[in-house]
């Protein structure tokens, strides 16, 4: 699988933490190193991404998307793996979040209350037909669905990148999925610990 195919595949695979092994491995390689510096998102765009991802995967009894640094994962994917066209379209959709928020609430997305932010994300999620929407193309928005540029194409990509960025992060794999990224020494006939999955 070629790295440049990843952005398209992130929008095409099923919602959920289960991924084909080769895609899962690629996404693990896309996790940013400690001390990663943003290269594509502006500070304002990054704040918007952090707020959105934190609403999609909030803190519960395990850390959420913010702790998993999903915003940095997205920035790395957009910087190193997406084409210029894919990056431009994604950023246009992200910038439209403020346009949409201003139209509804008279303020930028990050200036809205959590209730308002949640309502906007819910409306975007509701606009995506997760069961029947044709798979998006890496080059063209869906011509039969012109209203889906923000409400479909962008949000579909954004939500799937959030989910897959989270579940392939160290936090998502070890604390949420209870998987050992690097298994320890082999101990034959050792009892299986129910919290750990291999």
Protein backbone atom coordinates (compact mmCIF):
# COMPACT_ATOMS: atom_id res chain seq x y z
CA UNK A 1 0.00 0.00 0.00
CA UNK A 2 1.38 3.39 -0.99
CA UNK A 3 1.39 6.22 1.56
CA UNK A 4 -0.41 8.54 -0.86
CA UNK A 5 -3.37 6.12 -0.89
CA UNK A 6 -3.82 6.46 2.84
CA UNK A 7 -5.85 9.67 2.87
CA UNK A 8 -8.38 8.19 0.43
CA UNK A 9 -8.53 4.93 2.38
CA UNK A 10 -9.11 6.74 5.65
CA UNK A 11 -12.34 8.06 4.17
CA UNK A 12 -13.38 4.72 2.75
CA UNK A 13 -12.86 2.18 5.53
CA UNK A 14 -15.56 1.34 8.01
CA UNK A 15 -16.19 3.36 11.14
CA UNK A 16 -14.67 1.60 14.12
CA UNK A 17 -11.33 0.51 15.50
CA UNK A 18 -11.03 -2.68 13.40
CA UNK A 19 -8.73 -2.12 10.43
CA UNK A 20 -6.99 -4.34 7.89
CA UNK A 21 -3.52 -5.20 9.32
CA UNK A 22 -1.57 -3.35 6.61
CA UNK A 23 -3.61 -0.16 7.11
CA UNK A 24 -3.31 -0.43 10.88
CA UNK A 25 0.47 -0.72 10.57
CA UNK A 26 0.65 2.33 8.29
CA UNK A 27 -1.46 4.37 10.71
CA UNK A 28 0.74 3.37 13.62
CA UNK A 29 3.73 4.63 11.62
CA UNK A 30 1.87 7.93 11.10
CA UNK A 31 1.64 8.58 14.84
CA UNK A 32 3.69 11.71 15.59
CA UNK A 33 6.82 11.55 17.71
CA UNK A 34 6.97 13.28 21.08
CA UNK A 35 7.68 16.97 20.52
CA UNK A 36 6.02 17.02 17.08
CA UNK A 37 5.60 20.55 15.69
CA UNK A 38 2.56 21.41 13.58
CA UNK A 39 3.36 22.01 9.91
CA UNK A 40 -0.03 22.30 8.20
CA UNK A 41 -2.57 23.55 10.75
CA UNK A 42 -2.49 27.17 11.85
CA UNK A 43 -2.89 27.67 15.63
CA UNK A 44 -6.58 28.53 15.12
CA UNK A 45 -7.18 25.51 12.89
CA UNK A 46 -5.43 23.33 15.44
CA UNK A 47 -7.63 24.65 18.26
CA UNK A 48 -10.68 23.84 16.13
CA UNK A 49 -9.41 20.32 15.41
CA UNK A 50 -8.67 19.69 19.11
CA UNK A 51 -12.17 20.87 20.10
CA UNK A 52 -13.84 18.74 17.41
CA UNK A 53 -11.86 15.56 18.07
CA UNK A 54 -12.40 15.92 21.82
CA UNK A 55 -16.16 15.96 21.24
CA UNK A 56 -15.98 12.92 18.96
CA UNK A 57 -13.84 10.91 21.41
CA UNK A 58 -14.10 12.58 24.84
CA UNK A 59 -12.40 11.58 28.06
CA UNK A 60 -14.33 8.81 29.85
CA UNK A 61 -12.71 6.21 32.06
CA UNK A 62 -9.94 6.28 29.44
CA UNK A 63 -8.18 9.28 27.85
CA UNK A 64 -9.81 10.95 24.86
CA UNK A 65 -8.62 12.17 21.46
CA UNK A 66 -6.80 15.17 22.93
CA UNK A 67 -4.58 12.96 25.13
CA UNK A 68 -3.93 10.70 22.12
CA UNK A 69 -2.73 13.78 20.16
CA UNK A 70 -5.10 13.05 17.28
CA UNK A 71 -4.70 16.65 16.10
CA UNK A 72 -0.97 16.03 15.54
CA UNK A 73 -1.75 12.74 13.78
CA UNK A 74 -4.04 14.63 11.37
CA UNK A 75 -1.44 17.35 10.80
CA UNK A 76 1.21 14.73 9.98
CA UNK A 77 -1.14 12.90 7.58
CA UNK A 78 -2.04 16.14 5.82
CA UNK A 79 1.58 17.30 5.66
CA UNK A 80 3.36 14.12 4.59
CA UNK A 81 0.77 11.75 3.15
CA UNK A 82 -2.03 13.78 1.53
CA UNK A 83 -1.80 15.27 -1.94
CA UNK A 84 -1.95 19.05 -2.30
CA UNK A 85 -5.54 18.76 -3.57
CA UNK A 86 -6.61 16.56 -0.65
CA UNK A 87 -4.93 18.90 1.84
CA UNK A 88 -6.59 21.98 0.30
CA UNK A 89 -10.04 20.39 0.33
CA UNK A 90 -9.67 19.20 3.92
CA UNK A 91 -8.51 22.63 5.11
CA UNK A 92 -11.34 24.32 3.22
CA UNK A 93 -13.81 22.06 5.02
CA UNK A 94 -12.14 22.81 8.33
CA UNK A 95 -12.28 26.56 7.70
CA UNK A 96 -15.97 26.21 6.79
CA UNK A 97 -16.59 25.12 10.39
CA UNK A 98 -16.27 28.78 11.40
CA UNK A 99 -18.51 29.87 8.52
CA UNK A 100 -21.16 27.39 9.59
CA UNK A 101 -20.76 28.28 13.26
CA UNK A 102 -20.99 32.02 12.55
CA UNK A 103 -24.16 31.48 10.54
CA UNK A 104 -25.78 29.48 13.35
CA UNK A 105 -24.40 31.06 16.53
CA UNK A 106 -22.72 34.32 15.52
CA UNK A 107 -19.25 33.21 16.63
CA UNK A 108 -16.35 30.98 15.63
CA UNK A 109 -16.55 27.28 16.47
CA UNK A 110 -14.02 27.40 19.32
CA UNK A 111 -15.84 30.40 20.85
CA UNK A 112 -19.13 28.47 21.04
CA UNK A 113 -20.38 26.66 24.10
CA UNK A 114 -19.91 22.91 24.28
CA UNK A 115 -23.65 22.49 23.70
CA UNK A 116 -23.48 24.58 20.51
CA UNK A 117 -20.35 22.77 19.29
CA UNK A 118 -22.00 19.42 19.93
CA UNK A 119 -25.16 20.48 18.09
CA UNK A 120 -23.12 21.56 15.04
CA UNK A 121 -21.12 18.32 14.97
CA UNK A 122 -24.32 16.31 15.38
CA UNK A 123 -25.86 18.12 12.41
CA UNK A 124 -22.75 17.34 10.33
CA UNK A 125 -22.85 13.70 11.40
CA UNK A 126 -26.57 13.47 10.62
CA UNK A 127 -25.91 14.84 7.12
CA UNK A 128 -23.65 11.88 6.29
CA UNK A 129 -25.51 8.78 5.18
CA UNK A 130 -23.04 6.39 6.79
CA UNK A 131 -24.83 3.38 5.30
CA UNK A 132 -25.32 4.46 1.68
CA UNK A 133 -23.00 7.34 0.86
CA UNK A 134 -20.81 6.37 -2.11
CA UNK A 135 -17.15 6.06 -1.26
CA UNK A 136 -15.42 9.41 -1.66
CA UNK A 137 -12.83 10.01 -4.29
CA UNK A 138 -9.41 11.38 -3.46
CA UNK A 139 -9.70 13.87 -6.31
CA UNK A 140 -13.31 14.87 -6.82
CA UNK A 141 -16.13 15.71 -4.48
CA UNK A 142 -19.20 13.67 -5.18
CA UNK A 143 -20.89 15.43 -8.12
CA UNK A 144 -24.32 13.98 -7.28
CA UNK A 145 -24.10 15.34 -3.75
CA UNK A 146 -23.05 19.01 -4.08
CA UNK A 147 -24.35 19.93 -0.62
CA UNK A 148 -22.06 17.37 0.96
CA UNK A 149 -18.81 19.26 0.47
CA UNK A 150 -18.80 20.27 4.14
CA UNK A 151 -21.56 18.17 5.53
CA UNK A 152 -20.45 14.93 3.91
CA UNK A 153 -17.02 14.70 2.37
CA UNK A 154 -15.13 16.75 4.95
CA UNK A 155 -16.89 15.48 8.04
CA UNK A 156 -16.72 11.87 6.88
CA UNK A 157 -12.94 12.20 6.43
CA UNK A 158 -12.54 14.14 9.67
CA UNK A 159 -14.46 11.67 11.82
CA UNK A 160 -12.75 8.63 10.33
CA UNK A 161 -9.31 10.22 10.76
CA UNK A 162 -10.21 10.95 14.38
CA UNK A 163 -11.32 7.39 15.05
CA UNK A 164 -8.41 5.72 13.30
CA UNK A 165 -5.87 8.19 14.68
CA UNK A 166 -7.13 7.47 18.18
CA UNK A 167 -7.26 3.69 17.93
CA UNK A 168 -3.78 3.41 16.42
CA UNK A 169 -2.22 5.71 19.03
CA UNK A 170 -0.47 4.34 22.09
CA UNK A 171 -3.28 5.66 24.30
CA UNK A 172 -6.00 4.10 22.16
CA UNK A 173 -4.24 0.77 21.77
CA UNK A 174 -3.06 0.26 25.34
CA UNK A 175 -5.72 1.99 27.44
CA UNK A 176 -8.86 1.69 25.29
CA UNK A 177 -8.29 -1.55 23.37
CA UNK A 178 -6.04 -3.09 26.08
CA UNK A 179 -3.50 -4.30 23.51
CA UNK A 180 0.19 -4.62 24.10
CA UNK A 181 2.01 -2.74 21.34
CA UNK A 182 5.27 -4.57 22.04
CA UNK A 183 4.51 -7.83 23.87
CA UNK A 184 6.86 -8.77 26.69
CA UNK A 185 8.89 -11.95 27.03
CA UNK A 186 7.30 -15.27 26.10
CA UNK A 187 6.10 -17.23 29.11
CA UNK A 188 4.75 -20.63 28.10
CA UNK A 189 1.65 -21.89 29.91
CA UNK A 190 1.12 -18.51 31.58
CA UNK A 191 -2.50 -17.73 32.48
CA UNK A 192 -4.26 -15.38 30.07
CA UNK A 193 -4.91 -11.98 31.58
CA UNK A 194 -8.48 -11.02 30.59
CA UNK A 195 -7.74 -7.28 30.27
CA UNK A 196 -4.98 -7.77 27.68
CA UNK A 197 -5.65 -8.72 24.08
CA UNK A 198 -3.02 -9.71 21.57
